[in-house]
Amino acid sequence: MFLDKLNWRYATKKMDPARPAPEDKVEKIVEAVRMAPTSSGTQPFELLVVTNPEIREKLQVAALGQTQLTEGSHVLVFAAWDNYTEDRLDGVLEATEAERGESEGMTNYYTRLKNAYLPREERDNFEHAARQAYIGLGFALAAAAELEVDSTPMEGFDADEVDQILGLREKGLRSVVILPLGTRDAGNDWLVDMKKVRRAPDEIITRID
């Protein structure tokens, strides 16, 4: 059951370098990110799948030494668009029309979207794009749990340093969150057997009938 898988997962603190995440499962997690919904279907982020050991070592330094980046086998880096531009939004429209055919309604929709997005401050647009990347992260976490691949979502890193390591800024991208994948080292992970702690349903859920 899916909820059982969510209870199985936790933010893995210690991974076993000798037990990499299976490639076929990683590909399914990556596909789940690609299939994640985003605002107006823009998908305003890119996903970098990093397996190169030297680059992962550099990322570990940028992430305050968190060992999952090198003990795990794959590092997913979610990098959001630094801004919405006319070219980027036109590209989304063109891709949509290539699949669905041209539509005056869709053209008008993206015209309204450009009128709303393009005048905004770059920072506001980046933050909006970053929120879409987090939807992708959520799908990755859920898919990893379903496939029993261990993962650890990370915000604790120097984004400027990560951007430099991966050459993101020149691509119009900025790193927002990192997700190492691997296999838990159950014998050495202090968190593995601890009971999951979540707020009670009546503290976090309000039902409005």
C-alpha atoms as a PDB file:
ATOM      1  CA  MET A   1       0.000   0.000   0.000  1.00  0.00           C
ATOM      2  CA  PHE A   2       1.290   3.460  -0.891  1.00  0.00           C
ATOM      3  CA  LEU A   3       0.863   4.844   2.635  1.00  0.00           C
ATOM      4  CA  ASP A   4       2.945   1.956   3.969  1.00  0.00           C
ATOM      5  CA  LYS A   5       5.714   2.963   1.564  1.00  0.00           C
ATOM      6  CA  LEU A   6       5.551   6.544   2.836  1.00  0.00           C
ATOM      7  CA  ASN A   7       5.956   5.225   6.366  1.00  0.00           C
ATOM      8  CA  TRP A   8       8.936   3.111   5.181  1.00  0.00           C
ATOM      9  CA  ARG A   9      10.794   6.128   3.792  1.00  0.00           C
ATOM     10  CA  TYR A  10      12.727   8.583   5.903  1.00  0.00           C
ATOM     11  CA  ALA A  11      15.433  11.175   5.313  1.00  0.00           C
ATOM     12  CA  THR A  12      18.285   8.690   5.096  1.00  0.00           C
ATOM     13  CA  LYS A  13      21.365   9.886   6.956  1.00  0.00           C
ATOM     14  CA  LYS A  14      23.774   7.081   6.094  1.00  0.00           C
ATOM     15  CA  MET A  15      23.925   5.340   2.719  1.00  0.00           C
ATOM     16  CA  ASP A  16      25.872   2.243   1.677  1.00  0.00           C
ATOM     17  CA  PRO A  17      28.235   3.059  -1.219  1.00  0.00           C
ATOM     18  CA  ALA A  18      28.422  -0.639  -2.087  1.00  0.00           C
ATOM     19  CA  ARG A  19      24.687  -0.787  -2.801  1.00  0.00           C
ATOM     20  CA  PRO A  20      23.789   1.771  -5.493  1.00  0.00           C
ATOM     21  CA  ALA A  21      20.214   2.548  -6.393  1.00  0.00           C
ATOM     22  CA  PRO A  22      19.202   0.316  -9.342  1.00  0.00           C
ATOM     23  CA  GLU A  23      19.344   2.219 -12.617  1.00  0.00           C
ATOM     24  CA  ASP A  24      15.915   1.035 -13.734  1.00  0.00           C
ATOM     25  CA  LYS A  25      14.365   2.411 -10.547  1.00  0.00           C
ATOM     26  CA  VAL A  26      16.232   5.708 -10.873  1.00  0.00           C
ATOM     27  CA  GLU A  27      14.886   6.084 -14.408  1.00  0.00           C
ATOM     28  CA  LYS A  28      11.348   5.617 -13.094  1.00  0.00           C
ATOM     29  CA  ILE A  29      11.935   8.285 -10.446  1.00  0.00           C
ATOM     30  CA  VAL A  30      13.282  10.648 -13.092  1.00  0.00           C
ATOM     31  CA  GLU A  31      10.253   9.958 -15.291  1.00  0.00           C
ATOM     32  CA  ALA A  32       7.966  10.709 -12.328  1.00  0.00           C
ATOM     33  CA  VAL A  33       9.617  14.135 -12.089  1.00  0.00           C
ATOM     34  CA  ARG A  34       9.088  14.723 -15.810  1.00  0.00           C
ATOM     35  CA  MET A  35       5.417  13.782 -15.461  1.00  0.00           C
ATOM     36  CA  ALA A  36       4.801  16.026 -12.444  1.00  0.00           C
ATOM     37  CA  PRO A  37       2.197  18.774 -12.901  1.00  0.00           C
ATOM     38  CA  THR A  38       3.309  22.408 -13.009  1.00  0.00           C
ATOM     39  CA  SER A  39       1.564  25.754 -13.256  1.00  0.00           C
ATOM     40  CA  SER A  40       0.141  26.197 -16.787  1.00  0.00           C
ATOM     41  CA  GLY A  41       2.208  23.193 -17.874  1.00  0.00           C
ATOM     42  CA  THR A  42       5.324  25.343 -18.131  1.00  0.00           C
ATOM     43  CA  GLN A  43       7.728  22.888 -16.412  1.00  0.00           C
ATOM     44  CA  PRO A  44      10.027  25.820 -15.555  1.00  0.00           C
ATOM     45  CA  PHE A  45      12.903  23.766 -14.187  1.00  0.00           C
ATOM     46  CA  GLU A  46      15.456  21.201 -15.247  1.00  0.00           C
ATOM     47  CA  LEU A  47      16.605  18.052 -13.496  1.00  0.00           C
ATOM     48  CA  LEU A  48      20.282  17.154 -13.389  1.00  0.00           C
ATOM     49  CA  VAL A  49      21.136  13.522 -12.584  1.00  0.00           C
ATOM     50  CA  VAL A  50      24.682  13.493 -11.258  1.00  0.00           C
ATOM     51  CA  THR A  51      26.634  10.236 -10.914  1.00  0.00           C
ATOM     52  CA  ASN A  52      30.170  11.533 -11.572  1.00  0.00           C
ATOM     53  CA  PRO A  53      32.140  10.882  -8.331  1.00  0.00           C
ATOM     54  CA  GLU A  54      34.338  13.980  -8.619  1.00  0.00           C
ATOM     55  CA  ILE A  55      31.392  16.299  -9.140  1.00  0.00           C
ATOM     56  CA  ARG A  56      29.488  14.675  -6.266  1.00  0.00           C
ATOM     57  CA  GLU A  57      32.519  15.296  -4.033  1.00  0.00           C
ATOM     58  CA  LYS A  58      32.395  18.988  -4.960  1.00  0.00           C
ATOM     59  CA  LEU A  59      28.664  19.058  -4.278  1.00  0.00           C
ATOM     60  CA  GLN A  60      29.291  17.498  -0.873  1.00  0.00           C
ATOM     61  CA  VAL A  61      31.633  20.356   0.026  1.00  0.00           C
ATOM     62  CA  ALA A  62      28.991  22.858  -1.108  1.00  0.00           C
ATOM     63  CA  ALA A  63      26.427  21.014   1.027  1.00  0.00           C
ATOM     64  CA  LEU A  64      28.251  21.343   4.338  1.00  0.00           C
ATOM     65  CA  GLY A  65      29.829  17.898   4.042  1.00  0.00           C
ATOM     66  CA  GLN A  66      26.605  15.867   3.943  1.00  0.00           C
ATOM     67  CA  THR A  67      27.837  12.365   3.163  1.00  0.00           C
ATOM     68  CA  GLN A  68      24.752  11.130   1.296  1.00  0.00           C
ATOM     69  CA  LEU A  69      26.010  13.047  -1.740  1.00  0.00           C
ATOM     70  CA  THR A  70      28.987  10.716  -2.076  1.00  0.00           C
ATOM     71  CA  GLU A  71      27.762   7.583  -0.300  1.00  0.00           C
ATOM     72  CA  GLY A  72      24.614   7.497  -2.404  1.00  0.00           C
ATOM     73  CA  SER A  73      24.843   6.605  -6.080  1.00  0.00           C
ATOM     74  CA  HIS A  74      22.823   9.371  -7.751  1.00  0.00           C
ATOM     75  CA  VAL A  75      22.228  13.024  -6.957  1.00  0.00           C
ATOM     76  CA  LEU A  76      19.179  14.760  -8.402  1.00  0.00           C
ATOM     77  CA  VAL A  77      19.567  18.529  -8.624  1.00  0.00           C
ATOM     78  CA  PHE A  78      16.411  20.538  -9.271  1.00  0.00           C
ATOM     79  CA  ALA A  79      17.316  23.790 -11.036  1.00  0.00           C
ATOM     80  CA  ALA A  80      14.595  26.365 -11.700  1.00  0.00           C
ATOM     81  CA  TRP A  81      14.457  28.911 -14.494  1.00  0.00           C
ATOM     82  CA  ASP A  82      15.941  32.177 -13.295  1.00  0.00           C
ATOM     83  CA  ASN A  83      13.118  34.061 -15.019  1.00  0.00           C
ATOM     84  CA  TYR A  84      10.181  33.687 -17.363  1.00  0.00           C
ATOM     85  CA  THR A  85      10.923  35.045 -20.814  1.00  0.00           C
ATOM     86  CA  GLU A  86       8.928  35.395 -24.002  1.00  0.00           C
ATOM     87  CA  ASP A  87      11.113  32.772 -25.700  1.00  0.00           C
ATOM     88  CA  ARG A  88      10.619  30.276 -22.894  1.00  0.00           C
ATOM     89  CA  LEU A  89       6.861  30.683 -22.798  1.00  0.00           C
ATOM     90  CA  ASP A  90       6.639  30.587 -26.592  1.00  0.00           C
ATOM     91  CA  GLY A  91       8.589  27.322 -26.446  1.00  0.00           C
ATOM     92  CA  VAL A  92       5.993  25.832 -24.100  1.00  0.00           C
ATOM     93  CA  LEU A  93       3.211  26.918 -26.440  1.00  0.00           C
ATOM     94  CA  GLU A  94       4.975  25.482 -29.484  1.00  0.00           C
ATOM     95  CA  ALA A  95       5.522  22.142 -27.738  1.00  0.00           C
ATOM     96  CA  THR A  96       1.852  22.057 -26.732  1.00  0.00           C
ATOM     97  CA  GLU A  97       0.680  22.841 -30.254  1.00  0.00           C
ATOM     98  CA  ALA A  98       3.008  20.182 -31.687  1.00  0.00           C
ATOM     99  CA  GLU A  99       1.175  17.574 -29.630  1.00  0.00           C
ATOM    100  CA  ARG A 100      -2.384  18.933 -29.681  1.00  0.00           C
ATOM    101  CA  GLY A 101      -2.541  21.069 -32.776  1.00  0.00           C
ATOM    102  CA  GLU A 102      -2.842  24.827 -33.036  1.00  0.00           C
ATOM    103  CA  SER A 103      -5.625  26.432 -31.034  1.00  0.00           C
ATOM    104  CA  GLU A 104      -6.672  30.062 -30.842  1.00  0.00           C
ATOM    105  CA  GLY A 105      -7.773  29.491 -27.276  1.00  0.00           C
ATOM    106  CA  MET A 106      -4.363  28.140 -26.274  1.00  0.00           C
ATOM    107  CA  THR A 107      -2.572  30.983 -28.066  1.00  0.00           C
ATOM    108  CA  ASN A 108      -4.731  33.514 -26.254  1.00  0.00           C
ATOM    109  CA  TYR A 109      -4.084  31.754 -22.955  1.00  0.00           C
ATOM    110  CA  TYR A 110      -0.316  32.026 -23.336  1.00  0.00           C
ATOM    111  CA  THR A 111      -0.629  35.641 -24.431  1.00  0.00           C
ATOM    112  CA  ARG A 112      -2.396  36.355 -21.149  1.00  0.00           C
ATOM    113  CA  LEU A 113       0.266  34.351 -19.322  1.00  0.00           C
ATOM    114  CA  LYS A 114       3.056  36.440 -20.857  1.00  0.00           C
ATOM    115  CA  ASN A 115       1.178  39.623 -19.982  1.00  0.00           C
ATOM    116  CA  ALA A 116       1.047  38.432 -16.370  1.00  0.00           C
ATOM    117  CA  TYR A 117       4.565  36.994 -16.003  1.00  0.00           C
ATOM    118  CA  LEU A 118       6.876  39.130 -18.116  1.00  0.00           C
ATOM    119  CA  PRO A 119       6.335  42.464 -16.304  1.00  0.00           C
ATOM    120  CA  ARG A 120       7.094  40.883 -12.916  1.00  0.00           C
ATOM    121  CA  GLU A 121      10.413  41.172 -11.112  1.00  0.00           C
ATOM    122  CA  GLU A 122      12.932  38.443 -11.960  1.00  0.00           C
ATOM    123  CA  ARG A 123      13.051  37.359  -8.315  1.00  0.00           C
ATOM    124  CA  ASP A 124       9.280  36.845  -8.222  1.00  0.00           C
ATOM    125  CA  ASN A 125       9.407  34.733 -11.370  1.00  0.00           C
ATOM    126  CA  PHE A 126      12.315  32.657 -10.067  1.00  0.00           C
ATOM    127  CA  GLU A 127      10.480  31.965  -6.817  1.00  0.00           C
ATOM    128  CA  HIS A 128       7.392  30.907  -8.767  1.00  0.00           C
ATOM    129  CA  ALA A 129       9.508  28.579 -10.926  1.00  0.00           C
ATOM    130  CA  ALA A 130      11.194  27.188  -7.819  1.00  0.00           C
ATOM    131  CA  ARG A 131       7.804  26.244  -6.373  1.00  0.00           C
ATOM    132  CA  GLN A 132       7.121  24.227  -9.511  1.00  0.00           C
ATOM    133  CA  ALA A 133      10.457  22.438  -9.034  1.00  0.00           C
ATOM    134  CA  TYR A 134       9.307  21.469  -5.545  1.00  0.00           C
ATOM    135  CA  ILE A 135       6.286  19.754  -7.060  1.00  0.00           C
ATOM    136  CA  GLY A 136       8.784  17.671  -9.032  1.00  0.00           C
ATOM    137  CA  LEU A 137      10.652  16.953  -5.812  1.00  0.00           C
ATOM    138  CA  GLY A 138       7.459  15.702  -4.201  1.00  0.00           C
ATOM    139  CA  PHE A 139       6.849  13.314  -7.065  1.00  0.00           C
ATOM    140  CA  ALA A 140      10.452  12.107  -6.855  1.00  0.00           C
ATOM    141  CA  LEU A 141      10.131  11.430  -3.126  1.00  0.00           C
ATOM    142  CA  ALA A 142       6.855   9.569  -3.614  1.00  0.00           C
ATOM    143  CA  ALA A 143       8.223   7.515  -6.508  1.00  0.00           C
ATOM    144  CA  ALA A 144      11.380   6.678  -4.581  1.00  0.00           C
ATOM    145  CA  ALA A 145       9.292   5.511  -1.628  1.00  0.00           C
ATOM    146  CA  GLU A 146       7.082   3.389  -3.873  1.00  0.00           C
ATOM    147  CA  LEU A 147      10.196   1.767  -5.382  1.00  0.00           C
ATOM    148  CA  GLU A 148      11.974   1.484  -2.003  1.00  0.00           C
ATOM    149  CA  VAL A 149      14.879   3.656  -3.062  1.00  0.00           C
ATOM    150  CA  ASP A 150      16.290   5.688  -0.194  1.00  0.00           C
ATOM    151  CA  SER A 151      16.511   9.445  -0.536  1.00  0.00           C
ATOM    152  CA  THR A 152      17.279  12.613   1.388  1.00  0.00           C
ATOM    153  CA  PRO A 153      15.845  15.996   0.325  1.00  0.00           C
ATOM    154  CA  MET A 154      18.379  18.769   0.952  1.00  0.00           C
ATOM    155  CA  GLU A 155      18.139  22.531   1.121  1.00  0.00           C
ATOM    156  CA  GLY A 156      21.276  22.911   3.224  1.00  0.00           C
ATOM    157  CA  PHE A 157      23.785  23.888   0.550  1.00  0.00           C
ATOM    158  CA  ASP A 158      25.456  26.929  -0.942  1.00  0.00           C
ATOM    159  CA  ALA A 159      23.313  27.521  -4.022  1.00  0.00           C
ATOM    160  CA  ASP A 160      25.826  29.864  -5.630  1.00  0.00           C
ATOM    161  CA  GLU A 161      28.550  27.240  -5.276  1.00  0.00           C
ATOM    162  CA  VAL A 162      26.320  24.478  -6.652  1.00  0.00           C
ATOM    163  CA  ASP A 163      25.381  26.700  -9.583  1.00  0.00           C
ATOM    164  CA  GLN A 164      29.068  27.272 -10.319  1.00  0.00           C
ATOM    165  CA  ILE A 165      29.972  23.576 -10.066  1.00  0.00           C
ATOM    166  CA  LEU A 166      27.221  22.609 -12.504  1.00  0.00           C
ATOM    167  CA  GLY A 167      27.433  25.666 -14.761  1.00  0.00           C
ATOM    168  CA  LEU A 168      23.797  26.553 -14.157  1.00  0.00           C
ATOM    169  CA  ARG A 169      23.786  30.353 -14.309  1.00  0.00           C
ATOM    170  CA  GLU A 170      24.957  30.483 -17.918  1.00  0.00           C
ATOM    171  CA  LYS A 171      22.005  28.254 -18.768  1.00  0.00           C
ATOM    172  CA  GLY A 172      19.536  30.578 -17.063  1.00  0.00           C
ATOM    173  CA  LEU A 173      19.059  28.170 -14.147  1.00  0.00           C
ATOM    174  CA  ARG A 174      19.462  28.298 -10.367  1.00  0.00           C
ATOM    175  CA  SER A 175      19.617  25.320  -8.005  1.00  0.00           C
ATOM    176  CA  VAL A 176      16.785  25.096  -5.500  1.00  0.00           C
ATOM    177  CA  VAL A 177      16.852  21.618  -3.913  1.00  0.00           C
ATOM    178  CA  ILE A 178      18.954  18.431  -4.067  1.00  0.00           C
ATOM    179  CA  LEU A 179      17.886  14.799  -3.687  1.00  0.00           C
ATOM    180  CA  PRO A 180      20.555  12.091  -3.221  1.00  0.00           C
ATOM    181  CA  LEU A 181      19.403   8.541  -3.992  1.00  0.00           C
ATOM    182  CA  GLY A 182      20.924   5.311  -2.749  1.00  0.00           C
ATOM    183  CA  THR A 183      20.466   2.481  -0.265  1.00  0.00           C
ATOM    184  CA  ARG A 184      20.345   2.966   3.482  1.00  0.00           C
ATOM    185  CA  ASP A 185      23.178   1.669   5.631  1.00  0.00           C
ATOM    186  CA  ALA A 186      20.787   0.380   8.274  1.00  0.00           C
ATOM    187  CA  GLY A 187      23.528  -0.731  10.640  1.00  0.00           C
ATOM    188  CA  ASN A 188      25.077   2.723  10.867  1.00  0.00           C
ATOM    189  CA  ASP A 189      22.165   5.132  10.403  1.00  0.00           C
ATOM    190  CA  TRP A 190      21.011   6.565  13.718  1.00  0.00           C
ATOM    191  CA  LEU A 191      17.634   7.564  12.284  1.00  0.00           C
ATOM    192  CA  VAL A 192      16.637   4.294  10.628  1.00  0.00           C
ATOM    193  CA  ASP A 193      14.630   2.759  13.480  1.00  0.00           C
ATOM    194  CA  MET A 194      13.222   5.926  14.992  1.00  0.00           C
ATOM    195  CA  LYS A 195       9.463   6.336  15.002  1.00  0.00           C
ATOM    196  CA  LYS A 196       8.156   8.750  12.387  1.00  0.00           C
ATOM    197  CA  VAL A 197       6.870  11.952  13.965  1.00  0.00           C
ATOM    198  CA  ARG A 198       4.064  13.909  12.329  1.00  0.00           C
ATOM    199  CA  ARG A 199       1.507  16.365  13.683  1.00  0.00           C
ATOM    200  CA  ALA A 200      -1.832  14.819  14.631  1.00  0.00           C
ATOM    201  CA  PRO A 201      -4.535  14.923  11.923  1.00  0.00           C
ATOM    202  CA  ASP A 202      -6.664  17.427  13.836  1.00  0.00           C
ATOM    203  CA  GLU A 203      -3.645  19.731  14.166  1.00  0.00           C
ATOM    204  CA  ILE A 204      -2.822  19.864  10.477  1.00  0.00           C
ATOM    205  CA  ILE A 205      -6.121  19.113   8.691  1.00  0.00           C
ATOM    206  CA  THR A 206      -9.204  21.339   8.701  1.00  0.00           C
ATOM    207  CA  ARG A 207     -12.335  19.988   7.042  1.00  0.00           C
ATOM    208  CA  ILE A 208     -14.774  22.591   5.741  1.00  0.00           C
ATOM    209  CA  ASP A 209     -18.165  21.000   4.974  1.00  0.00           C
END
